[in-house]
Amino acid sequence: YGAENCGADWNEQAIKRVEECLEDFPFSYDGLINQLEFEGFTHEQAVYGVDNCNADWNEQAVKMAAYYLEEMPFSRSGLIEQLEFEGFTHEQAVYGVEKNGY
């Protein structure tokens, strides 16, 4: 009852949470929506937050590829597949991999 009636703008809260998430870890567009929904935001709130965060999804793909390459070895195609699994488009995944020298 309290959370629903506290006067919070949940769309703005979603934007703030998106910004916090992106400071901590790279996400794809879809991956970030899923994360916010997992944290209790509605689908509409999550989409609003992600749509209004001004993220560069290509840059997020670069960061995610770099993260994976630090953690374990990947082939070029395997890394692209992993990024696609994380929710990046094929084009974003290729961009991320190429910017990491693959």
PDB file of N, CA and C in Angstrom:
ATOM      1  N   TYR A   1       0.819  -1.193   0.000  1.00  0.00           N
ATOM      2  CA  TYR A   1       0.000   0.000   0.000  1.00  0.00           C
ATOM      3  C   TYR A   1       0.857   1.248   0.000  1.00  0.00           C
ATOM      4  N   GLY A   2       1.877   1.290   0.823  1.00  0.00           N
ATOM      5  CA  GLY A   2       2.703   2.490   0.949  1.00  0.00           C
ATOM      6  C   GLY A   2       3.416   2.868  -0.342  1.00  0.00           C
ATOM      7  N   ALA A   3       4.004   1.883  -1.016  1.00  0.00           N
ATOM      8  CA  ALA A   3       4.749   2.183  -2.233  1.00  0.00           C
ATOM      9  C   ALA A   3       3.840   2.712  -3.335  1.00  0.00           C
ATOM     10  N   GLU A   4       2.628   2.174  -3.409  1.00  0.00           N
ATOM     11  CA  GLU A   4       1.705   2.625  -4.451  1.00  0.00           C
ATOM     12  C   GLU A   4       1.183   4.027  -4.183  1.00  0.00           C
ATOM     13  N   ASN A   5       1.216   4.467  -2.938  1.00  0.00           N
ATOM     14  CA  ASN A   5       0.601   5.739  -2.578  1.00  0.00           C
ATOM     15  C   ASN A   5       1.590   6.772  -2.059  1.00  0.00           C
ATOM     16  N   CYS A   6       2.857   6.586  -2.344  1.00  0.00           N
ATOM     17  CA  CYS A   6       3.862   7.510  -1.817  1.00  0.00           C
ATOM     18  C   CYS A   6       4.114   8.695  -2.738  1.00  0.00           C
ATOM     19  N   GLY A   7       3.501   8.693  -3.905  1.00  0.00           N
ATOM     20  CA  GLY A   7       3.669   9.811  -4.822  1.00  0.00           C
ATOM     21  C   GLY A   7       4.896   9.731  -5.701  1.00  0.00           C
ATOM     22  N   ALA A   8       5.583   8.611  -5.684  1.00  0.00           N
ATOM     23  CA  ALA A   8       6.789   8.463  -6.503  1.00  0.00           C
ATOM     24  C   ALA A   8       6.422   8.380  -7.978  1.00  0.00           C
ATOM     25  N   ASP A   9       7.268   8.939  -8.799  1.00  0.00           N
ATOM     26  CA  ASP A   9       7.143   8.794 -10.242  1.00  0.00           C
ATOM     27  C   ASP A   9       7.977   7.578 -10.623  1.00  0.00           C
ATOM     28  N   TRP A  10       7.316   6.446 -10.834  1.00  0.00           N
ATOM     29  CA  TRP A  10       8.025   5.187 -11.050  1.00  0.00           C
ATOM     30  C   TRP A  10       8.765   5.175 -12.372  1.00  0.00           C
ATOM     31  N   ASN A  11       8.291   5.951 -13.354  1.00  0.00           N
ATOM     32  CA  ASN A  11       9.050   6.055 -14.597  1.00  0.00           C
ATOM     33  C   ASN A  11      10.392   6.734 -14.346  1.00  0.00           C
ATOM     34  N   GLU A  12      10.381   7.788 -13.551  1.00  0.00           N
ATOM     35  CA  GLU A  12      11.637   8.465 -13.213  1.00  0.00           C
ATOM     36  C   GLU A  12      12.528   7.568 -12.368  1.00  0.00           C
ATOM     37  N   GLN A  13      11.921   6.798 -11.476  1.00  0.00           N
ATOM     38  CA  GLN A  13      12.699   5.849 -10.681  1.00  0.00           C
ATOM     39  C   GLN A  13      13.344   4.802 -11.586  1.00  0.00           C
ATOM     40  N   ALA A  14      12.633   4.390 -12.632  1.00  0.00           N
ATOM     41  CA  ALA A  14      13.191   3.418 -13.567  1.00  0.00           C
ATOM     42  C   ALA A  14      14.395   4.004 -14.294  1.00  0.00           C
ATOM     43  N   ILE A  15      14.308   5.277 -14.701  1.00  0.00           N
ATOM     44  CA  ILE A  15      15.451   5.918 -15.353  1.00  0.00           C
ATOM     45  C   ILE A  15      16.646   5.946 -14.405  1.00  0.00           C
ATOM     46  N   LYS A  16      16.415   6.324 -13.165  1.00  0.00           N
ATOM     47  CA  LYS A  16      17.514   6.375 -12.193  1.00  0.00           C
ATOM     48  C   LYS A  16      18.139   5.004 -11.999  1.00  0.00           C
ATOM     49  N   ARG A  17      17.299   3.974 -11.934  1.00  0.00           N
ATOM     50  CA  ARG A  17      17.828   2.622 -11.733  1.00  0.00           C
ATOM     51  C   ARG A  17      18.627   2.168 -12.951  1.00  0.00           C
ATOM     52  N   VAL A  18      18.146   2.503 -14.146  1.00  0.00           N
ATOM     53  CA  VAL A  18      18.880   2.179 -15.367  1.00  0.00           C
ATOM     54  C   VAL A  18      20.264   2.817 -15.325  1.00  0.00           C
ATOM     55  N   GLU A  19      20.322   4.080 -14.967  1.00  0.00           N
ATOM     56  CA  GLU A  19      21.605   4.781 -14.914  1.00  0.00           C
ATOM     57  C   GLU A  19      22.545   4.119 -13.914  1.00  0.00           C
ATOM     58  N   GLU A  20      22.008   3.710 -12.759  1.00  0.00           N
ATOM     59  CA  GLU A  20      22.828   3.013 -11.766  1.00  0.00           C
ATOM     60  C   GLU A  20      23.339   1.682 -12.315  1.00  0.00           C
ATOM     61  N   CYS A  21      22.455   0.940 -12.966  1.00  0.00           N
ATOM     62  CA  CYS A  21      22.855  -0.356 -13.530  1.00  0.00           C
ATOM     63  C   CYS A  21      23.980  -0.185 -14.542  1.00  0.00           C
ATOM     64  N   LEU A  22      23.844   0.812 -15.407  1.00  0.00           N
ATOM     65  CA  LEU A  22      24.840   1.003 -16.460  1.00  0.00           C
ATOM     66  C   LEU A  22      26.176   1.500 -15.915  1.00  0.00           C
ATOM     67  N   GLU A  23      26.170   2.104 -14.740  1.00  0.00           N
ATOM     68  CA  GLU A  23      27.432   2.490 -14.104  1.00  0.00           C
ATOM     69  C   GLU A  23      28.177   1.264 -13.604  1.00  0.00           C
ATOM     70  N   ASP A  24      27.432   0.222 -13.234  1.00  0.00           N
ATOM     71  CA  ASP A  24      28.022  -0.967 -12.625  1.00  0.00           C
ATOM     72  C   ASP A  24      28.405  -2.058 -13.621  1.00  0.00           C
ATOM     73  N   PHE A  25      27.633  -2.159 -14.713  1.00  0.00           N
ATOM     74  CA  PHE A  25      27.814  -3.306 -15.600  1.00  0.00           C
ATOM     75  C   PHE A  25      27.209  -2.981 -16.960  1.00  0.00           C
ATOM     76  N   PRO A  26      27.796  -3.482 -18.048  1.00  0.00           N
ATOM     77  CA  PRO A  26      27.203  -3.247 -19.363  1.00  0.00           C
ATOM     78  C   PRO A  26      25.955  -4.107 -19.567  1.00  0.00           C
ATOM     79  N   PHE A  27      24.991  -3.554 -20.248  1.00  0.00           N
ATOM     80  CA  PHE A  27      23.753  -4.259 -20.552  1.00  0.00           C
ATOM     81  C   PHE A  27      23.345  -3.988 -21.989  1.00  0.00           C
ATOM     82  N   SER A  28      22.627  -4.932 -22.564  1.00  0.00           N
ATOM     83  CA  SER A  28      21.924  -4.694 -23.814  1.00  0.00           C
ATOM     84  C   SER A  28      20.584  -4.044 -23.476  1.00  0.00           C
ATOM     85  N   TYR A  29      19.927  -3.530 -24.490  1.00  0.00           N
ATOM     86  CA  TYR A  29      18.597  -2.944 -24.319  1.00  0.00           C
ATOM     87  C   TYR A  29      17.654  -3.960 -23.676  1.00  0.00           C
ATOM     88  N   ASP A  30      17.551  -5.142 -24.295  1.00  0.00           N
ATOM     89  CA  ASP A  30      16.645  -6.166 -23.774  1.00  0.00           C
ATOM     90  C   ASP A  30      17.088  -6.675 -22.409  1.00  0.00           C
ATOM     91  N   GLY A  31      18.386  -6.824 -22.231  1.00  0.00           N
ATOM     92  CA  GLY A  31      18.900  -7.301 -20.952  1.00  0.00           C
ATOM     93  C   GLY A  31      18.589  -6.349 -19.813  1.00  0.00           C
ATOM     94  N   LEU A  32      18.622  -5.072 -20.111  1.00  0.00           N
ATOM     95  CA  LEU A  32      18.340  -4.078 -19.079  1.00  0.00           C
ATOM     96  C   LEU A  32      16.852  -4.043 -18.735  1.00  0.00           C
ATOM     97  N   ILE A  33      16.000  -4.197 -19.736  1.00  0.00           N
ATOM     98  CA  ILE A  33      14.559  -4.301 -19.457  1.00  0.00           C
ATOM     99  C   ILE A  33      14.295  -5.506 -18.567  1.00  0.00           C
ATOM    100  N   ASN A  34      14.897  -6.636 -18.903  1.00  0.00           N
ATOM    101  CA  ASN A  34      14.724  -7.842 -18.083  1.00  0.00           C
ATOM    102  C   ASN A  34      15.208  -7.620 -16.658  1.00  0.00           C
ATOM    103  N   GLN A  35      16.332  -6.927 -16.501  1.00  0.00           N
ATOM    104  CA  GLN A  35      16.867  -6.656 -15.164  1.00  0.00           C
ATOM    105  C   GLN A  35      15.896  -5.814 -14.341  1.00  0.00           C
ATOM    106  N   LEU A  36      15.350  -4.775 -14.943  1.00  0.00           N
ATOM    107  CA  LEU A  36      14.407  -3.921 -14.215  1.00  0.00           C
ATOM    108  C   LEU A  36      13.130  -4.667 -13.858  1.00  0.00           C
ATOM    109  N   GLU A  37      12.658  -5.490 -14.764  1.00  0.00           N
ATOM    110  CA  GLU A  37      11.466  -6.291 -14.461  1.00  0.00           C
ATOM    111  C   GLU A  37      11.768  -7.247 -13.312  1.00  0.00           C
ATOM    112  N   PHE A  38      12.954  -7.841 -13.313  1.00  0.00           N
ATOM    113  CA  PHE A  38      13.364  -8.723 -12.218  1.00  0.00           C
ATOM    114  C   PHE A  38      13.359  -7.976 -10.894  1.00  0.00           C
ATOM    115  N   GLU A  39      13.737  -6.694 -10.934  1.00  0.00           N
ATOM    116  CA  GLU A  39      13.795  -5.887  -9.717  1.00  0.00           C
ATOM    117  C   GLU A  39      12.430  -5.346  -9.297  1.00  0.00           C
ATOM    118  N   GLY A  40      11.387  -5.636 -10.070  1.00  0.00           N
ATOM    119  CA  GLY A  40      10.040  -5.283  -9.644  1.00  0.00           C
ATOM    120  C   GLY A  40       9.367  -4.157 -10.416  1.00  0.00           C
ATOM    121  N   PHE A  41      10.047  -3.581 -11.376  1.00  0.00           N
ATOM    122  CA  PHE A  41       9.397  -2.577 -12.216  1.00  0.00           C
ATOM    123  C   PHE A  41       8.459  -3.290 -13.188  1.00  0.00           C
ATOM    124  N   THR A  42       7.377  -2.616 -13.561  1.00  0.00           N
ATOM    125  CA  THR A  42       6.506  -3.176 -14.589  1.00  0.00           C
ATOM    126  C   THR A  42       7.235  -3.126 -15.924  1.00  0.00           C
ATOM    127  N   HIS A  43       6.711  -3.869 -16.890  1.00  0.00           N
ATOM    128  CA  HIS A  43       7.321  -3.852 -18.223  1.00  0.00           C
ATOM    129  C   HIS A  43       7.303  -2.436 -18.789  1.00  0.00           C
ATOM    130  N   GLU A  44       6.196  -1.742 -18.615  1.00  0.00           N
ATOM    131  CA  GLU A  44       6.074  -0.388 -19.146  1.00  0.00           C
ATOM    132  C   GLU A  44       7.074   0.560 -18.489  1.00  0.00           C
ATOM    133  N   GLN A  45       7.246   0.453 -17.185  1.00  0.00           N
ATOM    134  CA  GLN A  45       8.216   1.291 -16.476  1.00  0.00           C
ATOM    135  C   GLN A  45       9.635   0.971 -16.923  1.00  0.00           C
ATOM    136  N   ALA A  46       9.928  -0.314 -17.071  1.00  0.00           N
ATOM    137  CA  ALA A  46      11.266  -0.722 -17.503  1.00  0.00           C
ATOM    138  C   ALA A  46      11.565  -0.192 -18.898  1.00  0.00           C
ATOM    139  N   VAL A  47      10.622  -0.328 -19.809  1.00  0.00           N
ATOM    140  CA  VAL A  47      10.816   0.169 -21.172  1.00  0.00           C
ATOM    141  C   VAL A  47      10.998   1.683 -21.153  1.00  0.00           C
ATOM    142  N   TYR A  48      10.204   2.371 -20.371  1.00  0.00           N
ATOM    143  CA  TYR A  48      10.335   3.826 -20.272  1.00  0.00           C
ATOM    144  C   TYR A  48      11.734   4.203 -19.789  1.00  0.00           C
ATOM    145  N   GLY A  49      12.191   3.539 -18.742  1.00  0.00           N
ATOM    146  CA  GLY A  49      13.515   3.835 -18.200  1.00  0.00           C
ATOM    147  C   GLY A  49      14.624   3.593 -19.202  1.00  0.00           C
ATOM    148  N   VAL A  50      14.546   2.482 -19.903  1.00  0.00           N
ATOM    149  CA  VAL A  50      15.583   2.132 -20.866  1.00  0.00           C
ATOM    150  C   VAL A  50      15.513   3.055 -22.088  1.00  0.00           C
ATOM    151  N   ASP A  51      14.300   3.354 -22.524  1.00  0.00           N
ATOM    152  CA  ASP A  51      14.141   4.239 -23.687  1.00  0.00           C
ATOM    153  C   ASP A  51      14.617   5.664 -23.416  1.00  0.00           C
ATOM    154  N   ASN A  52      14.638   6.058 -22.165  1.00  0.00           N
ATOM    155  CA  ASN A  52      14.954   7.442 -21.830  1.00  0.00           C
ATOM    156  C   ASN A  52      16.284   7.624 -21.099  1.00  0.00           C
ATOM    157  N   CYS A  53      17.160   6.638 -21.190  1.00  0.00           N
ATOM    158  CA  CYS A  53      18.443   6.726 -20.481  1.00  0.00           C
ATOM    159  C   CYS A  53      19.581   7.225 -21.368  1.00  0.00           C
ATOM    160  N   ASN A  54      19.325   7.368 -22.653  1.00  0.00           N
ATOM    161  CA  ASN A  54      20.334   7.854 -23.602  1.00  0.00           C
ATOM    162  C   ASN A  54      21.573   6.963 -23.678  1.00  0.00           C
ATOM    163  N   ALA A  55      21.394   5.679 -23.475  1.00  0.00           N
ATOM    164  CA  ALA A  55      22.532   4.752 -23.560  1.00  0.00           C
ATOM    165  C   ALA A  55      22.961   4.569 -25.005  1.00  0.00           C
ATOM    166  N   ASP A  56      24.242   4.363 -25.195  1.00  0.00           N
ATOM    167  CA  ASP A  56      24.813   4.004 -26.489  1.00  0.00           C
ATOM    168  C   ASP A  56      24.964   2.486 -26.478  1.00  0.00           C
ATOM    169  N   TRP A  57      24.057   1.789 -27.164  1.00  0.00           N
ATOM    170  CA  TRP A  57      24.043   0.326 -27.096  1.00  0.00           C
ATOM    171  C   TRP A  57      25.250  -0.284 -27.772  1.00  0.00           C
ATOM    172  N   ASN A  58      25.803   0.385 -28.776  1.00  0.00           N
ATOM    173  CA  ASN A  58      27.054  -0.100 -29.362  1.00  0.00           C
ATOM    174  C   ASN A  58      28.171  -0.056 -28.331  1.00  0.00           C
ATOM    175  N   GLU A  59      28.236   1.032 -27.581  1.00  0.00           N
ATOM    176  CA  GLU A  59      29.270   1.155 -26.547  1.00  0.00           C
ATOM    177  C   GLU A  59      29.060   0.124 -25.443  1.00  0.00           C
ATOM    178  N   GLN A  60      27.814  -0.164 -25.122  1.00  0.00           N
ATOM    179  CA  GLN A  60      27.538  -1.205 -24.135  1.00  0.00           C
ATOM    180  C   GLN A  60      28.020  -2.563 -24.651  1.00  0.00           C
ATOM    181  N   ALA A  61      27.864  -2.808 -25.947  1.00  0.00           N
ATOM    182  CA  ALA A  61      28.347  -4.055 -26.531  1.00  0.00           C
ATOM    183  C   ALA A  61      29.869  -4.138 -26.464  1.00  0.00           C
ATOM    184  N   VAL A  62      30.542  -3.016 -26.681  1.00  0.00           N
ATOM    185  CA  VAL A  62      32.004  -2.967 -26.564  1.00  0.00           C
ATOM    186  C   VAL A  62      32.413  -3.328 -25.139  1.00  0.00           C
ATOM    187  N   LYS A  63      31.752  -2.733 -24.166  1.00  0.00           N
ATOM    188  CA  LYS A  63      32.085  -2.998 -22.760  1.00  0.00           C
ATOM    189  C   LYS A  63      31.789  -4.443 -22.371  1.00  0.00           C
ATOM    190  N   MET A  64      30.669  -4.977 -22.855  1.00  0.00           N
ATOM    191  CA  MET A  64      30.320  -6.362 -22.527  1.00  0.00           C
ATOM    192  C   MET A  64      31.324  -7.324 -23.160  1.00  0.00           C
ATOM    193  N   ALA A  65      31.730  -7.064 -24.391  1.00  0.00           N
ATOM    194  CA  ALA A  65      32.733  -7.916 -25.038  1.00  0.00           C
ATOM    195  C   ALA A  65      34.040  -7.869 -24.261  1.00  0.00           C
ATOM    196  N   ALA A  66      34.449  -6.678 -23.840  1.00  0.00           N
ATOM    197  CA  ALA A  66      35.687  -6.543 -23.071  1.00  0.00           C
ATOM    198  C   ALA A  66      35.587  -7.314 -21.757  1.00  0.00           C
ATOM    199  N   TYR A  67      34.433  -7.233 -21.110  1.00  0.00           N
ATOM    200  CA  TYR A  67      34.212  -7.972 -19.863  1.00  0.00           C
ATOM    201  C   TYR A  67      34.404  -9.472 -20.087  1.00  0.00           C
ATOM    202  N   TYR A  68      33.752  -9.997 -21.112  1.00  0.00           N
ATOM    203  CA  TYR A  68      33.865 -11.430 -21.374  1.00  0.00           C
ATOM    204  C   TYR A  68      35.286 -11.834 -21.726  1.00  0.00           C
ATOM    205  N   LEU A  69      35.984 -11.007 -22.489  1.00  0.00           N
ATOM    206  CA  LEU A  69      37.360 -11.344 -22.867  1.00  0.00           C
ATOM    207  C   LEU A  69      38.300 -11.324 -21.669  1.00  0.00           C
ATOM    208  N   GLU A  70      37.990 -10.532 -20.663  1.00  0.00           N
ATOM    209  CA  GLU A  70      38.788 -10.531 -19.434  1.00  0.00           C
ATOM    210  C   GLU A  70      38.536 -11.791 -18.618  1.00  0.00           C
ATOM    211  N   GLU A  71      37.337 -12.337 -18.727  1.00  0.00           N
ATOM    212  CA  GLU A  71      36.943 -13.480 -17.905  1.00  0.00           C
ATOM    213  C   GLU A  71      37.353 -14.826 -18.497  1.00  0.00           C
ATOM    214  N   MET A  72      37.325 -14.941 -19.853  1.00  0.00           N
ATOM    215  CA  MET A  72      37.610 -16.228 -20.476  1.00  0.00           C
ATOM    216  C   MET A  72      37.924 -16.033 -21.954  1.00  0.00           C
ATOM    217  N   PRO A  73      38.595 -16.995 -22.552  1.00  0.00           N
ATOM    218  CA  PRO A  73      38.890 -16.890 -23.984  1.00  0.00           C
ATOM    219  C   PRO A  73      37.647 -17.192 -24.817  1.00  0.00           C
ATOM    220  N   PHE A  74      37.539 -16.497 -25.929  1.00  0.00           N
ATOM    221  CA  PHE A  74      36.438 -16.689 -26.868  1.00  0.00           C
ATOM    222  C   PHE A  74      36.976 -16.654 -28.282  1.00  0.00           C
ATOM    223  N   SER A  75      36.340 -17.396 -29.163  1.00  0.00           N
ATOM    224  CA  SER A  75      36.558 -17.195 -30.592  1.00  0.00           C
ATOM    225  C   SER A  75      35.723 -15.975 -30.989  1.00  0.00           C
ATOM    226  N   ARG A  76      36.002 -15.426 -32.142  1.00  0.00           N
ATOM    227  CA  ARG A  76      35.238 -14.280 -32.614  1.00  0.00           C
ATOM    228  C   ARG A  76      33.753 -14.631 -32.714  1.00  0.00           C
ATOM    229  N   SER A  77      33.457 -15.755 -33.359  1.00  0.00           N
ATOM    230  CA  SER A  77      32.053 -16.141 -33.534  1.00  0.00           C
ATOM    231  C   SER A  77      31.397 -16.482 -32.199  1.00  0.00           C
ATOM    232  N   GLY A  78      32.156 -17.098 -31.306  1.00  0.00           N
ATOM    233  CA  GLY A  78      31.615 -17.421 -29.985  1.00  0.00           C
ATOM    234  C   GLY A  78      31.281 -16.186 -29.180  1.00  0.00           C
ATOM    235  N   LEU A  79      32.098 -15.159 -29.287  1.00  0.00           N
ATOM    236  CA  LEU A  79      31.848 -13.920 -28.565  1.00  0.00           C
ATOM    237  C   LEU A  79      30.636 -13.195 -29.142  1.00  0.00           C
ATOM    238  N   ILE A  80      30.517 -13.214 -30.463  1.00  0.00           N
ATOM    239  CA  ILE A  80      29.331 -12.614 -31.086  1.00  0.00           C
ATOM    240  C   ILE A  80      28.075 -13.337 -30.611  1.00  0.00           C
ATOM    241  N   GLU A  81      28.116 -14.660 -30.604  1.00  0.00           N
ATOM    242  CA  GLU A  81      26.968 -15.439 -30.132  1.00  0.00           C
ATOM    243  C   GLU A  81      26.653 -15.132 -28.672  1.00  0.00           C
ATOM    244  N   GLN A  82      27.674 -14.982 -27.842  1.00  0.00           N
ATOM    245  CA  GLN A  82      27.458 -14.676 -26.427  1.00  0.00           C
ATOM    246  C   GLN A  82      26.786 -13.309 -26.267  1.00  0.00           C
ATOM    247  N   LEU A  83      27.245 -12.336 -27.025  1.00  0.00           N
ATOM    248  CA  LEU A  83      26.634 -11.005 -26.942  1.00  0.00           C
ATOM    249  C   LEU A  83      25.190 -11.027 -27.434  1.00  0.00           C
ATOM    250  N   GLU A  84      24.935 -11.802 -28.474  1.00  0.00           N
ATOM    251  CA  GLU A  84      23.548 -11.940 -28.943  1.00  0.00           C
ATOM    252  C   GLU A  84      22.695 -12.614 -27.880  1.00  0.00           C
ATOM    253  N   PHE A  85      23.256 -13.611 -27.201  1.00  0.00           N
ATOM    254  CA  PHE A  85      22.551 -14.267 -26.105  1.00  0.00           C
ATOM    255  C   PHE A  85      22.204 -13.260 -25.010  1.00  0.00           C
ATOM    256  N   GLU A  86      23.086 -12.295 -24.791  1.00  0.00           N
ATOM    257  CA  GLU A  86      22.861 -11.263 -23.772  1.00  0.00           C
ATOM    258  C   GLU A  86      21.832 -10.217 -24.222  1.00  0.00           C
ATOM    259  N   GLY A  87      21.384 -10.316 -25.471  1.00  0.00           N
ATOM    260  CA  GLY A  87      20.327  -9.433 -25.939  1.00  0.00           C
ATOM    261  C   GLY A  87      20.749  -8.367 -26.929  1.00  0.00           C
ATOM    262  N   PHE A  88      22.020  -8.353 -27.292  1.00  0.00           N
ATOM    263  CA  PHE A  88      22.469  -7.386 -28.288  1.00  0.00           C
ATOM    264  C   PHE A  88      22.031  -7.848 -29.671  1.00  0.00           C
ATOM    265  N   THR A  89      21.778  -6.903 -30.558  1.00  0.00           N
ATOM    266  CA  THR A  89      21.494  -7.248 -31.941  1.00  0.00           C
ATOM    267  C   THR A  89      22.776  -7.797 -32.564  1.00  0.00           C
ATOM    268  N   HIS A  90      22.633  -8.453 -33.703  1.00  0.00           N
ATOM    269  CA  HIS A  90      23.819  -8.970 -34.384  1.00  0.00           C
ATOM    270  C   HIS A  90      24.777  -7.824 -34.717  1.00  0.00           C
ATOM    271  N   GLU A  91      24.244  -6.715 -35.196  1.00  0.00           N
ATOM    272  CA  GLU A  91      25.084  -5.577 -35.565  1.00  0.00           C
ATOM    273  C   GLU A  91      25.817  -5.009 -34.348  1.00  0.00           C
ATOM    274  N   GLN A  92      25.126  -4.903 -33.223  1.00  0.00           N
ATOM    275  CA  GLN A  92      25.768  -4.411 -32.000  1.00  0.00           C
ATOM    276  C   GLN A  92      26.843  -5.379 -31.537  1.00  0.00           C
ATOM    277  N   ALA A  93      26.549  -6.670 -31.618  1.00  0.00           N
ATOM    278  CA  ALA A  93      27.519  -7.683 -31.186  1.00  0.00           C
ATOM    279  C   ALA A  93      28.779  -7.628 -32.054  1.00  0.00           C
ATOM    280  N   VAL A  94      28.608  -7.537 -33.356  1.00  0.00           N
ATOM    281  CA  VAL A  94      29.761  -7.449 -34.250  1.00  0.00           C
ATOM    282  C   VAL A  94      30.557  -6.184 -33.951  1.00  0.00           C
ATOM    283  N   TYR A  95      29.865  -5.083 -33.744  1.00  0.00           N
ATOM    284  CA  TYR A  95      30.541  -3.819 -33.422  1.00  0.00           C
ATOM    285  C   TYR A  95      31.374  -3.981 -32.144  1.00  0.00           C
ATOM    286  N   GLY A  96      30.766  -4.549 -31.105  1.00  0.00           N
ATOM    287  CA  GLY A  96      31.474  -4.742 -29.834  1.00  0.00           C
ATOM    288  C   GLY A  96      32.695  -5.612 -29.967  1.00  0.00           C
ATOM    289  N   VAL A  97      32.570  -6.678 -30.740  1.00  0.00           N
ATOM    290  CA  VAL A  97      33.691  -7.606 -30.942  1.00  0.00           C
ATOM    291  C   VAL A  97      34.795  -6.927 -31.744  1.00  0.00           C
ATOM    292  N   GLU A  98      34.424  -6.244 -32.828  1.00  0.00           N
ATOM    293  CA  GLU A  98      35.437  -5.583 -33.653  1.00  0.00           C
ATOM    294  C   GLU A  98      36.179  -4.490 -32.892  1.00  0.00           C
ATOM    295  N   LYS A  99      35.489  -3.763 -32.039  1.00  0.00           N
ATOM    296  CA  LYS A  99      36.156  -2.711 -31.268  1.00  0.00           C
ATOM    297  C   LYS A  99      37.093  -3.271 -30.205  1.00  0.00           C
ATOM    298  N   ASN A 100      36.970  -4.571 -29.952  1.00  0.00           N
ATOM    299  CA  ASN A 100      37.888  -5.244 -29.039  1.00  0.00           C
ATOM    300  C   ASN A 100      38.959  -6.028 -29.788  1.00  0.00           C
ATOM    301  N   GLY A 101      39.113  -5.732 -31.069  1.00  0.00           N
ATOM    302  CA  GLY A 101      40.203  -6.301 -31.842  1.00  0.00           C
ATOM    303  C   GLY A 101      39.952  -7.658 -32.449  1.00  0.00           C
ATOM    304  N   TYR A 102      38.699  -8.090 -32.517  1.00  0.00           N
ATOM    305  CA  TYR A 102      38.400  -9.407 -33.081  1.00  0.00           C
ATOM    306  C   TYR A 102      37.794  -9.261 -34.450  1.00  0.00           C
TER     307      TYR A 102
END
